[in-house]
Structures are given as structure tokens and as C-alpha cells.
Amino acid sequence: MNLDPQSRTTQARALILGAALLSFGLSVVLFFTGEERAAIFVGLWVPSILSLGAFIAPRRDDGGSTTRGRR
């Protein structure tokens, strides 16, 4: 299954976002079932997952350069 780089980047972003949403949802479920400490632990995964996603697949503008440092 050969995909062009744009499709691979889109799939990577979708996977990262899905993992973050799943982690958030699990955290909410754990919290409301009385597992507060586990909920906090799992909830801390969300920013880590999103940071990993920003590192793996940074956003790019039309010129091909990353948008970091743009104002």
C-alpha cells in the first residue's frame, strides 16, 4: 500500500488525534467510575500524545516550510 506523503501525513495526524481522544475518553470514564488517580494518570497522556504528533507530523504552509516561528 504505497501512499503519497500527503496521505501518510494525514493518516498519521488522524491516528494521533484518535489516540488523544481515546485517552481523554478513557480518563473521563475512569474518573466517573471512582478511579480518580487512574483517571489523572491517563489524562496526562493526552498532551504527551499531541506533542508526539506535532513532532512526527508538523504542519506545513504552501511553501513547504513548517509554520513554526510564523506570526
C-alpha atoms as a PDB file:
ATOM      1  CA  MET A   1       0.000   0.000   0.000  1.00  0.00           C
ATOM      2  CA  ASN A   2       2.069   2.910  -1.309  1.00  0.00           C
ATOM      3  CA  LEU A   3       0.650   6.251  -0.279  1.00  0.00           C
ATOM      4  CA  ASP A   4       1.872   9.675  -1.233  1.00  0.00           C
ATOM      5  CA  PRO A   5       3.480  11.723   1.564  1.00  0.00           C
ATOM      6  CA  GLN A   6       0.397  13.942   1.966  1.00  0.00           C
ATOM      7  CA  SER A   7      -1.851  10.921   2.578  1.00  0.00           C
ATOM      8  CA  ARG A   8       0.613   9.426   5.034  1.00  0.00           C
ATOM      9  CA  THR A   9       0.795  12.707   6.955  1.00  0.00           C
ATOM     10  CA  THR A  10      -2.996  12.969   7.042  1.00  0.00           C
ATOM     11  CA  GLN A  11      -3.286   9.399   8.310  1.00  0.00           C
ATOM     12  CA  ALA A  12      -0.610   9.999  10.944  1.00  0.00           C
ATOM     13  CA  ARG A  13      -2.435  13.098  12.193  1.00  0.00           C
ATOM     14  CA  ALA A  14      -5.736  11.210  12.308  1.00  0.00           C
ATOM     15  CA  LEU A  15      -4.135   8.366  14.253  1.00  0.00           C
ATOM     16  CA  ILE A  16      -2.549  10.762  16.764  1.00  0.00           C
ATOM     17  CA  LEU A  17      -5.785  12.697  17.223  1.00  0.00           C
ATOM     18  CA  GLY A  18      -7.726   9.445  17.640  1.00  0.00           C
ATOM     19  CA  ALA A  19      -5.285   8.218  20.277  1.00  0.00           C
ATOM     20  CA  ALA A  20      -5.554  11.518  22.183  1.00  0.00           C
ATOM     21  CA  LEU A  21      -9.363  11.437  22.070  1.00  0.00           C
ATOM     22  CA  LEU A  22      -9.397   7.807  23.190  1.00  0.00           C
ATOM     23  CA  SER A  23      -7.107   8.665  26.095  1.00  0.00           C
ATOM     24  CA  PHE A  24      -9.309  11.588  27.077  1.00  0.00           C
ATOM     25  CA  GLY A  25     -12.445   9.458  26.901  1.00  0.00           C
ATOM     26  CA  LEU A  26     -10.875   6.707  28.982  1.00  0.00           C
ATOM     27  CA  SER A  27      -9.817   9.299  31.542  1.00  0.00           C
ATOM     28  CA  VAL A  28     -13.384  10.622  31.832  1.00  0.00           C
ATOM     29  CA  VAL A  29     -14.796   7.106  32.212  1.00  0.00           C
ATOM     30  CA  LEU A  30     -12.246   6.252  34.880  1.00  0.00           C
ATOM     31  CA  PHE A  31     -12.979   9.452  36.765  1.00  0.00           C
ATOM     32  CA  PHE A  32     -16.726   8.889  36.877  1.00  0.00           C
ATOM     33  CA  THR A  33     -16.329   5.250  37.899  1.00  0.00           C
ATOM     34  CA  GLY A  34     -14.399   6.281  41.007  1.00  0.00           C
ATOM     35  CA  GLU A  35     -10.848   5.660  39.793  1.00  0.00           C
ATOM     36  CA  GLU A  36      -9.641   9.246  40.223  1.00  0.00           C
ATOM     37  CA  ARG A  37      -5.927   8.502  40.410  1.00  0.00           C
ATOM     38  CA  ALA A  38      -6.001   6.299  37.306  1.00  0.00           C
ATOM     39  CA  ALA A  39      -8.078   8.960  35.520  1.00  0.00           C
ATOM     40  CA  ILE A  40      -5.480  11.630  36.237  1.00  0.00           C
ATOM     41  CA  PHE A  41      -2.682   9.317  35.098  1.00  0.00           C
ATOM     42  CA  VAL A  42      -4.425   8.503  31.812  1.00  0.00           C
ATOM     43  CA  GLY A  43      -5.474  12.136  31.335  1.00  0.00           C
ATOM     44  CA  LEU A  44      -1.824  13.169  31.418  1.00  0.00           C
ATOM     45  CA  TRP A  45      -1.234  11.089  28.300  1.00  0.00           C
ATOM     46  CA  VAL A  46      -3.255  13.500  26.127  1.00  0.00           C
ATOM     47  CA  PRO A  47      -0.732  16.362  25.903  1.00  0.00           C
ATOM     48  CA  SER A  48       2.096  13.855  25.510  1.00  0.00           C
ATOM     49  CA  ILE A  49       0.347  12.172  22.584  1.00  0.00           C
ATOM     50  CA  LEU A  50      -0.412  15.521  20.945  1.00  0.00           C
ATOM     51  CA  SER A  51       3.209  16.643  21.439  1.00  0.00           C
ATOM     52  CA  LEU A  52       4.405  13.458  19.787  1.00  0.00           C
ATOM     53  CA  GLY A  53       2.053  14.182  16.889  1.00  0.00           C
ATOM     54  CA  ALA A  54       3.410  17.700  16.496  1.00  0.00           C
ATOM     55  CA  PHE A  55       6.925  16.268  16.406  1.00  0.00           C
ATOM     56  CA  ILE A  56       6.128  13.472  13.931  1.00  0.00           C
ATOM     57  CA  ALA A  57       3.889  15.393  11.525  1.00  0.00           C
ATOM     58  CA  PRO A  58       4.394  19.156  11.829  1.00  0.00           C
ATOM     59  CA  ARG A  59       2.031  21.390   9.879  1.00  0.00           C
ATOM     60  CA  ARG A  60       3.366  22.947   6.690  1.00  0.00           C
ATOM     61  CA  ASP A  61       2.312  26.004   4.748  1.00  0.00           C
ATOM     62  CA  ASP A  62       2.024  26.189   0.941  1.00  0.00           C
ATOM     63  CA  GLY A  63       5.725  26.861   0.519  1.00  0.00           C
ATOM     64  CA  GLY A  64       6.694  23.576   2.137  1.00  0.00           C
ATOM     65  CA  SER A  65       8.283  25.099   5.233  1.00  0.00           C
ATOM     66  CA  THR A  66       6.942  24.402   8.680  1.00  0.00           C
ATOM     67  CA  THR A  67       4.698  27.007  10.266  1.00  0.00           C
ATOM     68  CA  ARG A  68       6.818  27.185  13.403  1.00  0.00           C
ATOM     69  CA  GLY A  69       8.010  30.699  14.040  1.00  0.00           C
ATOM     70  CA  ARG A  70       5.381  32.238  11.773  1.00  0.00           C
ATOM     71  CA  ARG A  71       3.447  35.186  13.132  1.00  0.00           C
END
